[in-house]
C-alpha atoms as a PDB file:
ATOM      1  CA  MET A   1      56.188  -4.202 -60.069  1.00  0.00           C
ATOM      2  CA  THR A   2      55.704  -3.359 -63.777  1.00  0.00           C
ATOM      3  CA  PRO A   3      53.192  -0.307 -64.770  1.00  0.00           C
ATOM      4  CA  ILE A   4      50.796  -3.070 -66.402  1.00  0.00           C
ATOM      5  CA  GLU A   5      50.932  -5.235 -62.951  1.00  0.00           C
ATOM      6  CA  LYS A   6      50.655  -2.046 -60.929  1.00  0.00           C
ATOM      7  CA  ALA A   7      47.461  -1.120 -63.299  1.00  0.00           C
ATOM      8  CA  LYS A   8      46.015  -4.614 -63.019  1.00  0.00           C
ATOM      9  CA  GLN A   9      46.128  -4.317 -58.917  1.00  0.00           C
ATOM     10  CA  GLN A  10      44.297  -1.337 -59.367  1.00  0.00           C
ATOM     11  CA  VAL A  11      41.418  -2.700 -61.393  1.00  0.00           C
ATOM     12  CA  GLU A  12      41.284  -5.836 -59.248  1.00  0.00           C
ATOM     13  CA  GLN A  13      40.801  -3.508 -55.991  1.00  0.00           C
ATOM     14  CA  ALA A  14      38.514  -1.184 -58.131  1.00  0.00           C
ATOM     15  CA  LYS A  15      36.408  -4.296 -58.851  1.00  0.00           C
ATOM     16  CA  ALA A  16      36.428  -5.351 -55.044  1.00  0.00           C
ATOM     17  CA  ARG A  17      35.270  -1.931 -53.978  1.00  0.00           C
ATOM     18  CA  TYR A  18      32.395  -2.000 -56.561  1.00  0.00           C
ATOM     19  CA  GLN A  19      31.474  -5.546 -55.274  1.00  0.00           C
ATOM     20  CA  ALA A  20      31.641  -4.385 -51.710  1.00  0.00           C
ATOM     21  CA  LEU A  21      29.294  -1.317 -52.606  1.00  0.00           C
ATOM     22  CA  LEU A  22      26.837  -3.356 -54.548  1.00  0.00           C
ATOM     23  CA  ALA A  23      26.459  -5.927 -51.387  1.00  0.00           C
ATOM     24  CA  ARG A  24      26.022  -2.996 -49.192  1.00  0.00           C
ATOM     25  CA  GLN A  25      23.290  -1.597 -51.333  1.00  0.00           C
ATOM     26  CA  ASN A  26      21.612  -4.725 -51.581  1.00  0.00           C
ATOM     27  CA  ALA A  27      21.816  -5.431 -47.968  1.00  0.00           C
ATOM     28  CA  GLU A  28      20.085  -1.996 -47.232  1.00  0.00           C
ATOM     29  CA  GLU A  29      17.572  -2.646 -49.933  1.00  0.00           C
ATOM     30  CA  ARG A  30      16.556  -5.980 -48.260  1.00  0.00           C
ATOM     31  CA  LYS A  31      16.508  -4.263 -44.853  1.00  0.00           C
ATOM     32  CA  LEU A  32      14.361  -1.442 -45.838  1.00  0.00           C
ATOM     33  CA  ASP A  33      11.983  -4.189 -47.825  1.00  0.00           C
ATOM     34  CA  THR A  34      11.737  -6.342 -44.572  1.00  0.00           C
ATOM     35  CA  ARG A  35      10.927  -3.156 -42.611  1.00  0.00           C
ATOM     36  CA  ARG A  36       8.188  -2.274 -45.019  1.00  0.00           C
ATOM     37  CA  LYS A  37       6.671  -5.611 -44.459  1.00  0.00           C
ATOM     38  CA  VAL A  38       6.722  -5.575 -40.720  1.00  0.00           C
ATOM     39  CA  ILE A  39       5.244  -2.282 -40.659  1.00  0.00           C
ATOM     40  CA  LEU A  40       2.328  -3.099 -43.032  1.00  0.00           C
ATOM     41  CA  GLY A  41       1.892  -6.559 -41.329  1.00  0.00           C
ATOM     42  CA  GLY A  42       1.444  -4.631 -37.820  1.00  0.00           C
ATOM     43  CA  LEU A  43      -0.919  -1.936 -39.642  1.00  0.00           C
ATOM     44  CA  LEU A  44      -3.174  -4.807 -41.128  1.00  0.00           C
ATOM     45  CA  MET A  45      -3.426  -6.660 -37.843  1.00  0.00           C
ATOM     46  CA  ASP A  46      -4.196  -3.566 -35.939  1.00  0.00           C
ATOM     47  CA  ALA A  47      -6.885  -2.733 -38.795  1.00  0.00           C
ATOM     48  CA  ALA A  48      -8.287  -6.318 -38.096  1.00  0.00           C
ATOM     49  CA  GLY A  49      -8.686  -5.751 -34.369  1.00  0.00           C
ATOM     50  CA  LYS A  50     -11.036  -2.636 -35.396  1.00  0.00           C
ATOM     51  CA  ASP A  51     -12.905  -3.598 -38.605  1.00  0.00           C
ATOM     52  CA  GLU A  52     -13.666  -7.367 -39.735  1.00  0.00           C
ATOM     53  CA  ARG A  53     -13.144  -6.408 -43.369  1.00  0.00           C
ATOM     54  CA  PHE A  54      -9.473  -6.394 -42.561  1.00  0.00           C
ATOM     55  CA  GLY A  55      -9.851  -9.583 -40.845  1.00  0.00           C
ATOM     56  CA  ARG A  56     -11.235 -11.247 -43.967  1.00  0.00           C
ATOM     57  CA  VAL A  57      -8.210  -9.984 -45.778  1.00  0.00           C
ATOM     58  CA  ILE A  58      -6.245 -11.849 -43.360  1.00  0.00           C
ATOM     59  CA  ASP A  59      -8.181 -14.910 -43.698  1.00  0.00           C
ATOM     60  CA  GLU A  60      -7.844 -14.867 -47.510  1.00  0.00           C
ATOM     61  CA  LEU A  61      -3.964 -14.184 -47.235  1.00  0.00           C
ATOM     62  CA  MET A  62      -3.634 -16.894 -44.738  1.00  0.00           C
ATOM     63  CA  LYS A  63      -5.035 -19.489 -47.546  1.00  0.00           C
ATOM     64  CA  ARG A  64      -2.389 -18.130 -49.922  1.00  0.00           C
ATOM     65  CA  ILE A  65       0.381 -19.587 -47.467  1.00  0.00           C
ATOM     66  CA  THR A  66       1.805 -22.645 -49.279  1.00  0.00           C
ATOM     67  CA  ARG A  67       5.092 -23.544 -47.586  1.00  0.00           C
ATOM     68  CA  ASP A  68       5.138 -25.540 -44.539  1.00  0.00           C
ATOM     69  CA  HIS A  69       7.841 -23.493 -43.004  1.00  0.00           C
ATOM     70  CA  ASP A  70       5.677 -20.529 -43.176  1.00  0.00           C
ATOM     71  CA  HIS A  71       2.639 -22.289 -41.749  1.00  0.00           C
ATOM     72  CA  LYS A  72       4.705 -22.956 -38.728  1.00  0.00           C
ATOM     73  CA  ALA A  73       5.238 -19.423 -38.179  1.00  0.00           C
ATOM     74  CA  PHE A  74       1.329 -18.986 -37.418  1.00  0.00           C
ATOM     75  CA  GLU A  75       0.742 -21.995 -35.260  1.00  0.00           C
ATOM     76  CA  GLY A  76      -1.160 -21.122 -32.402  1.00  0.00           C
ATOM     77  CA  TRP A  77      -1.448 -17.563 -33.514  1.00  0.00           C
ATOM     78  CA  GLN A  78      -5.040 -15.916 -33.721  1.00  0.00           C
ATOM     79  CA  LYS A  79      -5.705 -13.128 -35.844  1.00  0.00           C
ATOM     80  CA  PRO A  80      -7.011  -9.951 -33.905  1.00  0.00           C
ATOM     81  CA  GLU A  81     -10.917  -9.715 -33.800  1.00  0.00           C
ATOM     82  CA  PRO A  82     -12.744  -6.265 -33.708  1.00  0.00           C
ATOM     83  CA  ASP A  83     -14.025  -5.386 -30.310  1.00  0.00           C
ATOM     84  CA  LYS A  84     -17.709  -5.806 -30.652  1.00  0.00           C
ATOM     85  CA  SER A  85     -18.869  -3.341 -27.973  1.00  0.00           C
END
């Protein structure tokens, strides 16, 4: 293998390592974003069960759902209602 071929191979390997690191970073960012959404959703649903203002927020957010696939996720679901006692 000539020095140029060896250098080219090293460059290709470095590019592959870079792409793998970039993909791993993007996956971690997506995972963290999903976790944040789940936590915020849980907090919102819990708050709706304690305060009707948050229930109204859920109503407004539900009106913004435009995709049928997303609507199906909520079929049969009822938002938490505040305890009236």
